[in-house]
Protein backbone atom coordinates (compact mmCIF):
# COMPACT_ATOMS: atom_id res chain seq x y z
CA MET A 1 74.38 114.88 92.09
CA ALA A 2 73.96 117.64 89.77
CA ALA A 3 76.04 115.80 86.73
CA ALA A 4 73.86 113.00 86.57
CA GLY A 5 70.43 115.05 86.73
CA GLY A 6 71.40 116.60 83.97
CA LEU A 7 71.90 113.71 81.89
CA ARG A 8 68.58 112.08 83.30
CA ALA A 9 66.98 114.96 82.16
CA GLY A 10 68.38 115.17 78.88
CA ARG A 11 69.19 118.95 78.85
CA LEU A 12 72.98 119.14 78.67
CA SER A 13 74.41 121.55 77.09
CA ALA A 14 77.88 121.40 75.16
CA GLU A 15 79.30 124.40 77.36
CA SER A 16 78.51 122.61 80.37
CA VAL A 17 81.27 119.94 79.39
CA SER A 18 83.91 122.40 80.82
CA THR A 19 82.07 123.48 83.99
CA PRO A 20 83.45 121.75 87.02
CA ILE A 21 81.42 118.96 88.19
CA THR A 22 80.95 118.17 91.71
CA MET A 23 80.49 114.83 93.35
CA SER A 24 78.32 114.37 95.60
CA LYS A 25 80.32 112.04 97.35
CA SER A 26 82.89 114.84 98.38
CA PRO A 27 81.85 118.26 97.73
CA LYS A 28 84.92 119.78 97.92
CA ARG A 29 86.21 117.74 94.77
CA SER A 30 85.80 118.84 91.55
CA LEU A 31 86.86 118.29 87.83
CA GLU A 32 87.17 120.59 85.01
CA PHE A 33 86.32 118.36 82.10
CA ILE A 34 87.86 118.91 78.79
CA ASP A 35 88.27 117.25 75.64
CA ALA A 36 91.73 115.57 76.10
CA GLU A 37 90.48 114.03 78.63
CA VAL A 38 88.77 111.70 76.42
CA SER A 39 91.34 111.20 73.54
CA ALA A 40 92.69 107.84 75.13
CA PRO A 41 91.08 104.54 74.81
CA PHE A 42 89.25 104.16 78.22
CA SER A 43 86.86 101.25 79.56
CA VAL A 44 82.91 102.17 80.88
CA ASN A 45 80.45 99.99 82.38
CA ALA A 46 77.42 99.77 79.79
CA THR A 47 75.28 99.32 82.33
CA ALA A 48 76.15 102.60 84.33
CA VAL A 49 75.35 104.72 81.29
CA ASN A 50 71.79 106.22 81.42
CA THR A 51 70.13 107.24 77.96
CA PRO A 52 68.76 110.75 78.66
CA ALA A 53 65.11 111.10 78.27
CA GLY A 54 62.81 114.01 76.22
CA PRO A 55 62.39 114.59 72.30
CA SER A 56 65.15 116.90 72.00
CA ARG A 57 67.70 113.97 71.87
CA ALA A 58 67.66 110.44 70.58
CA PRO A 59 68.42 107.54 72.26
CA SER A 60 72.59 107.30 72.35
CA PRO A 61 73.65 104.24 69.99
CA LYS A 62 74.38 101.09 71.23
CA LEU A 63 77.71 100.39 71.90
CA ASP A 64 78.90 97.51 69.82
CA VAL A 65 81.56 96.22 67.67
CA GLU A 66 79.77 98.04 64.58
CA LYS A 67 80.67 101.29 65.88
CA GLY A 68 84.30 100.61 67.18
CA HIS A 69 83.74 99.18 70.32
CA LYS A 70 84.73 96.17 71.66
CA THR A 71 82.32 94.57 74.43
CA LYS A 72 83.61 92.07 76.56
CA ALA A 73 81.80 89.01 78.70
CA ASP A 74 81.45 90.64 81.77
CA GLY A 75 79.53 93.85 80.46
CA ALA A 76 82.44 96.10 80.07
CA VAL A 77 82.77 98.30 76.75
CA HIS A 78 86.11 98.96 75.93
CA VAL A 79 86.12 102.36 73.62
CA ARG A 80 88.81 102.48 70.95
CA PRO A 81 89.57 106.67 70.93
CA ALA A 82 86.99 107.47 68.03
CA LYS A 83 86.07 110.73 69.44
CA ARG A 84 83.32 111.12 66.37
CA ASN A 85 81.23 108.25 67.65
CA MET A 86 81.11 110.03 71.10
CA THR A 87 78.24 112.29 72.40
CA GLU A 88 79.40 115.20 74.77
CA VAL A 89 76.89 113.02 77.36
CA ASP A 90 78.72 110.38 76.94
CA LYS A 91 81.87 111.87 77.88
CA VAL A 92 80.01 113.30 81.03
CA GLU A 93 79.29 110.15 81.68
CA TYR A 94 82.03 108.40 81.48
CA LEU A 95 84.57 110.98 83.17
CA THR A 96 81.48 111.15 86.24
CA HIS A 97 81.98 107.15 86.60
CA GLN A 98 85.83 107.54 86.41
CA VAL A 99 85.47 110.21 89.02
CA GLU A 100 82.76 108.05 91.37
CA HIS A 101 85.30 105.39 90.90
CA GLY A 102 88.24 107.15 91.72
CA GLU A 103 86.50 108.77 95.15
CA GLN A 104 85.41 105.33 96.25
CA LYS A 105 88.80 104.00 95.59
CA PHE A 106 90.55 106.17 97.66
CA HIS A 107 88.51 106.55 100.47
CA LYS A 108 88.62 102.99 101.60
CA LEU A 109 90.70 103.24 104.88
CA GLY A 110 89.09 102.47 107.88
CA TRP A 111 90.35 103.19 111.49
CA ILE A 112 92.15 99.80 111.76
CA GLN A 113 93.90 100.20 108.31
CA LEU A 114 94.71 103.11 109.02
CA VAL A 115 96.42 101.62 112.28
CA VAL A 116 98.40 99.59 110.01
CA VAL A 117 99.46 102.10 107.76
CA LEU A 118 100.87 104.63 110.53
CA ILE A 119 102.85 101.39 111.65
CA VAL A 120 104.12 100.84 108.41
CA GLU A 121 105.31 104.71 108.49
CA ALA A 122 106.74 104.73 111.77
CA ILE A 123 107.53 101.41 113.34
CA ALA A 124 110.82 100.34 111.18
CA LEU A 125 114.06 101.85 111.29
CA GLY A 126 113.60 104.08 114.30
CA SER A 127 113.24 100.78 116.67
CA LEU A 128 116.64 99.75 115.63
CA SER A 129 118.62 102.29 116.58
CA LEU A 130 117.10 102.74 119.81
CA PRO A 131 119.46 100.23 121.67
CA ALA A 132 122.70 102.42 120.42
CA ALA A 133 120.51 105.30 121.82
CA PHE A 134 119.88 103.81 125.28
CA ALA A 135 123.69 103.36 125.33
CA THR A 136 124.94 106.64 124.94
CA LEU A 137 122.11 108.25 127.04
CA GLY A 138 121.74 105.68 129.51
CA MET A 139 119.22 102.95 130.79
CA VAL A 140 117.46 105.75 133.19
CA ALA A 141 117.40 108.48 130.74
CA GLY A 142 116.40 106.48 127.56
CA VAL A 143 113.78 104.95 129.40
CA ILE A 144 112.35 108.45 130.37
CA ILE A 145 112.98 110.19 126.77
CA THR A 146 111.60 107.49 124.99
CA VAL A 147 108.40 106.86 127.06
CA GLY A 148 107.61 110.83 127.46
CA ILE A 149 108.45 111.77 124.05
CA GLY A 150 106.13 108.75 122.78
CA PHE A 151 102.68 110.21 125.16
CA LEU A 152 103.82 113.93 123.18
CA ALA A 153 103.82 111.95 119.76
CA ILE A 154 100.01 111.14 120.70
CA TYR A 155 98.98 114.15 121.86
CA THR A 156 100.58 115.75 118.50
CA SER A 157 98.89 113.50 116.59
CA TYR A 158 95.75 114.13 118.29
CA ILE A 159 95.93 117.96 117.32
CA ILE A 160 96.56 117.12 113.85
CA GLY A 161 93.60 115.00 113.59
CA GLN A 162 91.52 117.71 115.37
CA VAL A 163 92.78 120.20 112.63
CA LYS A 164 91.50 117.29 109.83
CA ILE A 165 88.27 117.46 111.05
CA LYS A 166 87.72 121.06 111.31
CA TYR A 167 89.47 122.07 108.34
CA PRO A 168 88.33 118.91 105.87
CA GLN A 169 90.04 121.08 103.11
CA VAL A 170 93.46 120.09 104.36
CA LYS A 171 94.53 117.24 102.34
CA HIS A 172 97.76 116.91 102.88
CA TYR A 173 100.59 118.74 105.72
CA ASP A 174 100.94 121.89 103.57
CA ASP A 175 97.45 122.99 103.26
CA VAL A 176 97.78 124.00 107.19
CA GLY A 177 100.38 126.93 105.93
CA PRO A 178 97.40 129.49 104.95
CA LEU A 179 95.24 128.36 107.52
CA LEU A 180 98.40 129.31 110.04
CA GLY A 181 99.18 132.30 108.05
CA GLY A 182 96.64 133.93 106.31
CA PRO A 183 95.58 133.87 102.55
CA GLY A 184 98.14 136.62 101.87
CA VAL A 185 101.85 136.24 101.41
CA LEU A 186 103.02 134.55 104.96
CA GLY A 187 100.43 132.06 104.23
CA LYS A 188 101.94 131.53 101.07
CA VAL A 189 105.66 131.29 102.43
CA PHE A 190 104.16 128.86 104.93
CA ARG A 191 103.16 126.88 102.34
CA GLY A 192 105.91 126.61 100.56
CA LEU A 193 108.17 125.79 103.75
CA LEU A 194 105.89 123.00 104.84
CA MET A 195 105.28 121.54 100.93
CA PHE A 196 109.16 121.85 100.60
CA GLY A 197 109.58 119.89 103.91
CA PHE A 198 106.76 117.35 103.44
CA VAL A 199 108.92 116.03 100.09
CA ALA A 200 112.12 116.40 101.32
CA TYR A 201 111.42 114.61 104.48
CA LEU A 202 109.83 111.85 102.76
CA ILE A 203 112.71 111.51 100.48
CA CYS A 204 115.14 111.35 102.82
CA LEU A 205 113.45 108.69 104.57
CA VAL A 206 113.15 106.33 101.86
CA GLY A 207 116.96 107.16 101.48
CA SER A 208 117.62 105.78 104.99
CA HIS A 209 115.79 102.84 103.97
CA CYS A 210 117.89 102.06 101.01
CA LEU A 211 121.07 102.42 103.28
CA THR A 212 119.44 99.92 105.39
CA GLY A 213 118.75 97.74 102.67
CA THR A 214 122.34 97.99 101.64
CA ILE A 215 123.49 97.26 105.28
CA ALA A 216 121.25 94.20 104.75
CA PHE A 217 122.17 92.77 101.81
CA GLN A 218 125.95 92.86 102.81
CA THR A 219 125.43 91.18 106.05
CA ILE A 220 123.09 88.03 104.62
CA THR A 221 125.36 87.40 101.43
CA ARG A 222 128.66 88.16 102.45
CA VAL A 223 129.86 88.18 98.94
CA ASP A 224 132.97 90.58 97.99
CA ILE A 225 130.29 92.76 96.02
CA CYS A 226 130.59 96.38 95.59
CA SER A 227 127.91 98.20 98.36
CA ILE A 228 126.45 100.53 95.36
CA VAL A 229 125.38 97.24 93.83
CA TRP A 230 123.50 96.43 96.73
CA GLY A 231 122.15 100.02 96.90
CA VAL A 232 120.82 99.44 93.61
CA VAL A 233 119.04 96.22 94.41
CA SER A 234 117.27 98.13 97.28
CA MET A 235 116.29 100.98 95.15
CA VAL A 236 114.23 98.51 92.47
CA LEU A 237 113.01 96.82 95.40
CA LEU A 238 111.67 99.83 97.08
CA PHE A 239 110.48 101.52 93.65
CA ILE A 240 108.65 98.20 93.27
CA CYS A 241 106.57 98.06 96.66
CA ALA A 242 105.36 101.86 95.59
CA LEU A 243 103.57 100.77 92.77
CA PRO A 244 100.17 100.76 94.38
CA PRO A 245 98.83 103.87 94.66
CA SER A 246 96.46 104.12 97.46
CA PHE A 247 97.24 103.66 101.14
CA ALA A 248 94.34 100.96 101.28
CA GLU A 249 96.73 99.16 98.95
CA MET A 250 99.43 100.00 101.01
CA ALA A 251 97.68 98.17 103.99
CA VAL A 252 97.81 94.84 102.72
CA LEU A 253 101.32 94.95 102.76
CA GLY A 254 101.64 96.57 106.14
CA TYR A 255 100.44 93.40 108.08
CA VAL A 256 103.61 91.40 106.36
CA ASP A 257 105.33 94.70 107.44
CA PHE A 258 104.36 94.17 111.29
CA VAL A 259 105.22 90.78 111.15
CA SER A 260 108.66 91.04 109.72
CA ILE A 261 109.96 93.94 112.20
CA ILE A 262 108.43 92.14 115.53
CA ALA A 263 110.17 88.81 114.02
CA ALA A 264 113.69 90.54 113.35
CA ILE A 265 113.16 92.04 116.85
CA LEU A 266 112.23 89.28 118.81
CA ILE A 267 115.13 87.26 116.96
CA THR A 268 118.08 89.51 117.57
CA LEU A 269 116.63 90.08 121.59
CA ILE A 270 116.30 86.19 121.95
CA ALA A 271 119.72 85.78 120.72
CA THR A 272 121.44 88.74 122.78
CA GLY A 273 119.65 87.07 125.76
CA ILE A 274 120.49 83.76 125.31
CA LYS A 275 124.22 84.86 124.73
CA ALA A 276 124.20 87.30 127.71
CA ASN A 277 123.13 84.45 130.21
CA GLY A 278 125.36 82.04 129.10
CA GLN A 279 128.64 84.08 129.39
CA PRO A 280 130.43 83.91 133.00
CA GLY A 281 128.27 86.31 135.65
CA SER A 282 125.51 85.95 133.35
CA PHE A 283 123.69 89.14 132.93
CA GLY A 284 125.53 90.75 135.73
CA ALA A 285 128.54 90.73 133.65
CA VAL A 286 127.02 92.70 130.58
CA ASP A 287 128.37 96.13 130.89
CA TRP A 288 125.33 98.41 130.80
CA SER A 289 124.66 101.70 133.09
CA ALA A 290 121.85 103.43 134.15
CA TRP A 291 124.04 106.55 133.55
CA PRO A 292 125.29 108.08 129.95
CA LYS A 293 128.21 106.44 129.33
CA GLU A 294 131.77 108.08 129.76
CA GLY A 295 132.99 110.23 127.24
CA THR A 296 129.40 111.17 126.05
CA THR A 297 129.68 114.38 124.30
CA PHE A 298 126.52 117.02 123.80
CA ALA A 299 126.91 116.41 120.10
CA SER A 300 126.71 112.42 120.64
CA ALA A 301 123.70 113.09 123.50
CA MET A 302 121.95 114.90 120.67
CA VAL A 303 122.11 112.55 117.91
CA ALA A 304 120.59 109.93 120.35
CA VAL A 305 117.66 111.72 121.08
CA SER A 306 117.07 112.57 117.93
CA ASN A 307 117.19 109.08 116.95
CA VAL A 308 114.41 108.68 119.55
CA VAL A 309 112.40 111.21 118.12
CA PHE A 310 113.02 109.90 114.87
CA ALA A 311 111.19 106.49 115.93
CA TYR A 312 108.02 108.78 116.51
CA SER A 313 107.70 110.37 112.99
CA PHE A 314 104.10 109.04 111.83
CA ALA A 315 102.09 112.45 112.61
CA ILE A 316 103.75 113.87 109.56
CA CYS A 317 101.85 111.98 107.10
CA GLN A 318 99.12 111.94 109.28
CA PHE A 319 96.86 114.40 106.84
CA SER A 320 97.40 112.62 104.04
CA PHE A 321 96.37 109.01 105.00
CA MET A 322 92.98 110.87 107.07
CA GLU A 323 92.11 112.25 103.42
CA GLU A 324 91.19 108.33 102.68
CA MET A 325 89.75 107.68 105.39
CA HIS A 326 86.00 106.98 104.82
CA THR A 327 85.05 108.02 108.65
CA PRO A 328 87.50 110.42 109.27
CA LYS A 329 86.62 110.82 113.03
CA ASP A 330 87.61 107.81 113.88
CA PHE A 331 91.33 108.49 113.96
CA LYS A 332 91.47 108.94 117.67
CA LYS A 333 91.58 105.41 118.10
CA SER A 334 94.29 104.87 115.82
CA VAL A 335 96.36 107.32 117.29
CA TRP A 336 95.70 105.62 120.74
CA VAL A 337 96.43 102.36 119.46
CA LEU A 338 99.26 103.32 117.22
CA GLY A 339 100.87 105.17 119.72
CA LEU A 340 100.76 102.75 123.13
CA THR A 341 102.18 100.18 120.72
CA GLU A 342 105.06 102.08 119.72
CA ILE A 343 105.85 103.03 123.32
CA VAL A 344 105.82 99.53 124.37
CA ILE A 345 107.96 98.38 121.48
CA TYR A 346 110.32 101.21 121.36
CA THR A 347 111.02 100.62 125.45
CA CYS A 348 111.65 97.38 125.45
CA THR A 349 113.57 96.94 122.66
CA GLY A 350 115.87 99.87 123.74
CA ALA A 351 115.91 98.79 127.09
CA LEU A 352 116.77 94.79 126.79
CA GLY A 353 118.68 95.38 123.83
CA TYR A 354 120.98 97.41 125.88
CA ALA A 355 120.64 95.47 128.56
CA PHE A 356 121.60 91.92 127.00
CA ILE A 357 124.50 93.79 124.50
CA GLY A 358 125.79 96.80 126.54
CA LYS A 359 127.73 99.56 125.59
CA SER A 360 129.26 97.99 122.50
CA VAL A 361 125.61 97.82 120.81
CA LYS A 362 125.58 98.54 117.20
CA SER A 363 123.32 100.64 115.27
CA PRO A 364 121.22 98.99 113.70
CA ALA A 365 120.63 96.74 116.69
CA LEU A 366 120.77 93.93 114.45
CA LEU A 367 124.63 94.08 113.40
CA SER A 368 125.00 93.34 117.42
CA ALA A 369 123.32 89.68 117.50
CA GLY A 370 126.75 87.39 115.83
CA ASP A 371 127.51 86.73 112.68
CA THR A 372 124.67 84.01 111.98
CA VAL A 373 121.96 85.55 113.96
CA SER A 374 122.62 89.15 112.09
CA ARG A 375 122.26 87.27 108.89
CA VAL A 376 118.96 85.76 109.83
CA ALA A 377 117.57 88.59 111.65
CA PHE A 378 118.52 91.04 108.38
CA GLY A 379 116.72 88.45 106.25
CA VAL A 380 113.41 88.59 107.80
CA ALA A 381 113.55 92.28 108.48
CA ILE A 382 114.15 92.70 104.41
CA PRO A 383 109.87 93.14 103.97
CA VAL A 384 110.11 95.92 107.08
CA ILE A 385 112.91 97.62 105.41
CA ILE A 386 111.05 97.81 102.06
CA ILE A 387 107.93 98.19 102.52
CA SER A 388 108.27 100.93 105.17
CA GLY A 389 110.39 102.96 102.90
CA SER A 390 108.03 102.65 100.04
CA ILE A 391 105.14 104.05 102.11
CA ASN A 392 107.08 107.36 101.77
CA THR A 393 107.28 107.45 98.09
CA VAL A 394 103.66 106.59 98.09
CA THR A 395 102.62 109.41 100.73
CA ALA A 396 105.11 111.80 98.52
CA GLY A 397 103.30 110.60 95.21
CA ARG A 398 99.65 110.82 96.25
CA PHE A 399 100.98 114.52 97.73
CA THR A 400 102.62 115.17 94.16
CA ILE A 401 99.98 114.02 91.80
CA ASP A 402 96.97 115.97 93.68
CA LYS A 403 98.65 119.14 93.33
CA LEU A 404 99.71 119.13 89.80
CA PHE A 405 96.74 117.22 88.42
CA SER A 406 93.92 118.12 90.76
CA ASN A 407 91.79 119.08 88.08
CA SER A 408 92.29 115.49 86.13
CA THR A 409 91.41 111.84 86.18
CA ILE A 410 95.02 111.23 86.08
CA ARG A 411 95.18 111.81 90.15
CA TYR A 412 93.14 108.67 89.91
CA VAL A 413 95.99 106.22 88.26
CA SER A 414 93.08 104.34 86.82
CA ASP A 415 94.28 104.71 83.00
CA ALA A 416 97.48 104.07 81.08
CA ARG A 417 98.61 108.53 81.52
CA GLY A 418 97.43 107.99 85.38
CA TRP A 419 99.52 105.08 85.76
CA ALA A 420 102.49 106.42 83.39
CA VAL A 421 102.86 109.41 85.49
CA TRP A 422 102.25 107.24 88.67
CA ILE A 423 105.12 105.09 87.66
CA GLY A 424 107.10 108.15 86.52
CA TRP A 425 107.01 109.56 89.95
CA ALA A 426 108.03 106.49 91.76
CA THR A 427 111.20 105.93 89.58
CA ILE A 428 112.42 109.63 90.07
CA ALA A 429 112.17 109.20 93.80
CA SER A 430 113.64 106.03 94.17
CA ILE A 431 116.29 107.32 92.36
CA VAL A 432 116.68 110.90 94.36
CA ALA A 433 116.41 108.19 97.43
CA TRP A 434 119.13 106.22 96.64
CA ILE A 435 121.46 109.19 95.81
CA ILE A 436 120.90 110.64 99.23
CA ALA A 437 121.78 107.10 100.81
CA GLU A 438 125.23 107.03 98.64
CA ALA A 439 125.87 110.57 99.74
CA ILE A 440 125.13 109.72 103.52
CA PRO A 441 126.41 106.37 104.07
CA PHE A 442 126.17 105.95 107.69
CA PHE A 443 122.95 105.14 109.92
CA SER A 444 122.55 106.90 112.98
CA ALA A 445 123.70 110.23 111.34
CA LEU A 446 121.24 110.00 108.81
CA LEU A 447 118.06 109.48 111.09
CA ALA A 448 119.55 112.48 113.51
CA ILE A 449 119.37 114.93 110.46
CA ILE A 450 116.02 113.70 109.36
CA SER A 451 114.87 114.15 113.14
CA ALA A 452 116.29 117.39 113.75
CA LEU A 453 115.69 119.08 110.22
CA PHE A 454 111.89 117.65 109.66
CA ILE A 455 110.46 115.47 112.27
CA SER A 456 111.02 118.56 114.81
CA GLY A 457 108.37 120.77 113.10
CA PHE A 458 105.95 118.13 111.45
CA SER A 459 105.67 116.00 114.93
CA PHE A 460 106.18 118.63 117.62
CA TYR A 461 106.22 122.59 116.73
CA VAL A 462 104.15 123.07 113.90
CA PRO A 463 101.45 120.97 115.65
CA GLY A 464 101.85 123.13 118.85
CA PHE A 465 101.50 126.45 117.07
CA MET A 466 98.43 124.63 115.23
CA TRP A 467 96.53 124.05 118.49
CA PHE A 468 97.06 128.18 119.41
CA VAL A 469 95.94 129.13 116.01
CA LEU A 470 93.09 127.03 114.94
CA VAL A 471 91.97 124.52 117.56
CA LYS A 472 92.06 126.72 120.88
CA GLU A 473 88.49 128.00 122.53
CA GLY A 474 88.60 131.37 124.14
CA LYS A 475 91.99 132.42 125.67
CA TRP A 476 94.67 130.55 126.79
CA HIS A 477 94.39 131.22 130.11
CA HIS A 478 90.68 130.93 130.52
CA GLY A 479 89.94 128.01 132.79
CA TRP A 480 92.41 125.23 133.71
CA LYS A 481 91.94 123.19 130.84
CA ASN A 482 93.28 125.59 128.51
CA ILE A 483 95.68 126.80 130.56
CA THR A 484 96.98 123.31 130.86
CA LEU A 485 96.94 122.76 127.37
CA SER A 486 98.98 125.97 126.63
CA VAL A 487 101.41 124.86 128.68
CA LEU A 488 101.39 121.23 127.21
CA ASN A 489 101.99 122.79 123.60
CA VAL A 490 104.84 125.02 124.51
CA VAL A 491 106.33 122.28 125.76
CA CYS A 492 105.44 120.96 122.36
CA ILE A 493 107.11 123.46 120.70
CA VAL A 494 110.13 123.97 123.14
CA VAL A 495 111.12 120.22 122.94
CA GLY A 496 110.53 120.67 118.37
CA VAL A 497 112.81 124.02 118.55
CA VAL A 498 115.44 122.55 120.81
CA CYS A 499 115.49 119.33 118.17
CA LEU A 500 115.77 121.60 115.53
CA GLY A 501 118.61 123.42 116.50
CA CYS A 502 120.71 121.06 119.06
CA GLY A 503 119.87 118.09 116.90
CA THR A 504 121.15 119.54 113.65
CA TYR A 505 124.10 120.55 115.70
CA GLY A 506 124.73 117.16 116.83
CA ALA A 507 124.00 115.41 113.60
CA VAL A 508 126.56 117.79 111.53
CA GLU A 509 129.08 117.53 114.62
CA ASP A 510 128.92 113.51 114.19
CA ILE A 511 129.17 113.15 110.85
CA ARG A 512 132.27 115.57 110.72
CA LEU A 513 133.79 113.33 113.65
CA SER A 514 133.23 110.28 111.99
CA TYR A 515 134.81 111.26 108.48
CA LYS A 516 137.89 112.45 110.36
CA LEU A 517 138.11 109.47 112.25
CA GLY A 518 137.97 107.35 109.34
CA THR A 519 135.08 105.27 110.51
CA VAL A 520 132.67 105.59 107.57
CA GLY A 521 133.62 105.77 103.73
CA SER A 522 133.36 108.47 101.07
CA PRO A 523 130.08 109.14 99.40
CA PHE A 524 129.66 106.58 96.53
CA SER A 525 132.61 104.73 97.40
CA CYS A 526 132.63 100.93 96.61
CA ASN A 527 132.21 99.16 99.99
CA LYS A 528 132.77 95.67 100.26
CA ALA A 529 131.65 92.68 102.82
């Protein structure tokens, strides 16, 4: 490491403090260290400080109480903001230590942990809307679309991983913009659009979890309390769970998240299955059909398809997650494990939920399990509602801080300033998400809007363009492999564009009809259980 070498040689000039220092662990990362970086209290490890050799500089003074320092029993030295007692070398040694610690903290993800955080991102709200989607589309179309979109999502996620490996400078989704559009104006426009869409999508997704939390608390408590209050409670819980700043820390919560959603699904399916079996005529009496139900409009069908697309939304966060992997090339295992797991869970949940409940199934499906079972299932589902929502706040926060504080140790969230910025971001994001949840107070239509506007691009048509511009080797018609992959990526682009146009129309029309029929309350209305 160049900086450390200069320190050991004892020949570091004052001017070098303002020069970007690049860490050997991640050559692309550098910091411009300025005096402001050491103007606040901080800690260093006494054993990590090297005393420069050579006659040009006397040994560094000992860090002790007499110099305004406080030594702990564990060897850590807490330095008060006594800038006059620090040499330029001490400043650089401290900041170098901060960078090394920060890089280690944010590069801990292995491929199994990547599966976990992708599960937290993907398997939550989507699964709860699928039985209602099957009721609209019919069993045959529901299964075909769920499985087909699932394998398509696996493939586009694989493309994103290929781009990350080939272009390691891509840290978040918006970094693809200049690669697709070039260094000129077009590349900047692409980056801006992807940047806006990325943050807007994640905040809208937090809003959908806030809405689900409101529904859950109303269902569980059955008390005469305004729904806005439960929305605020959900917002606070989403804020608290978004405080861990790294995905490795969020992965710990991911295991609780996965157990929660599986338990909620099983409780719902078992209860509705027992109820269906116990009625006269058993399962044969359930009103379900292999084909779309009568009266299905184009708009309602597109809302159902959009809800299936929503369930496979993990690709949008993949760049951000892979940025924290210690071995990014292992992403292939993560993508396949997650994708196949999703296909099995979603197909079984949608098909069995529809077969056990019938055409009257509600969205989310937990509402169709009967009063007592719904309350139990929602209680079990609270962790997945909150944790899966909060990881989107964390992802948007990592993106925002990386962009705003790329040349500052604030982005490592390791001192008072870093935590102040992080907590401030989580607060703002949670409040905005709550506003979105109150403004669009109905579940399926909100998911459909998110799918149509954002997931259609981030998960389907943008990866299709990525393959043609960044991944493809040779002409598209050179060899059967390129021809096959070209056709497959055209399919990805077409699916994404259709979801964007038709899905948006369907969602808007569904919202308009819901308001016309009076089946939902007004924005920010005080609905009670």
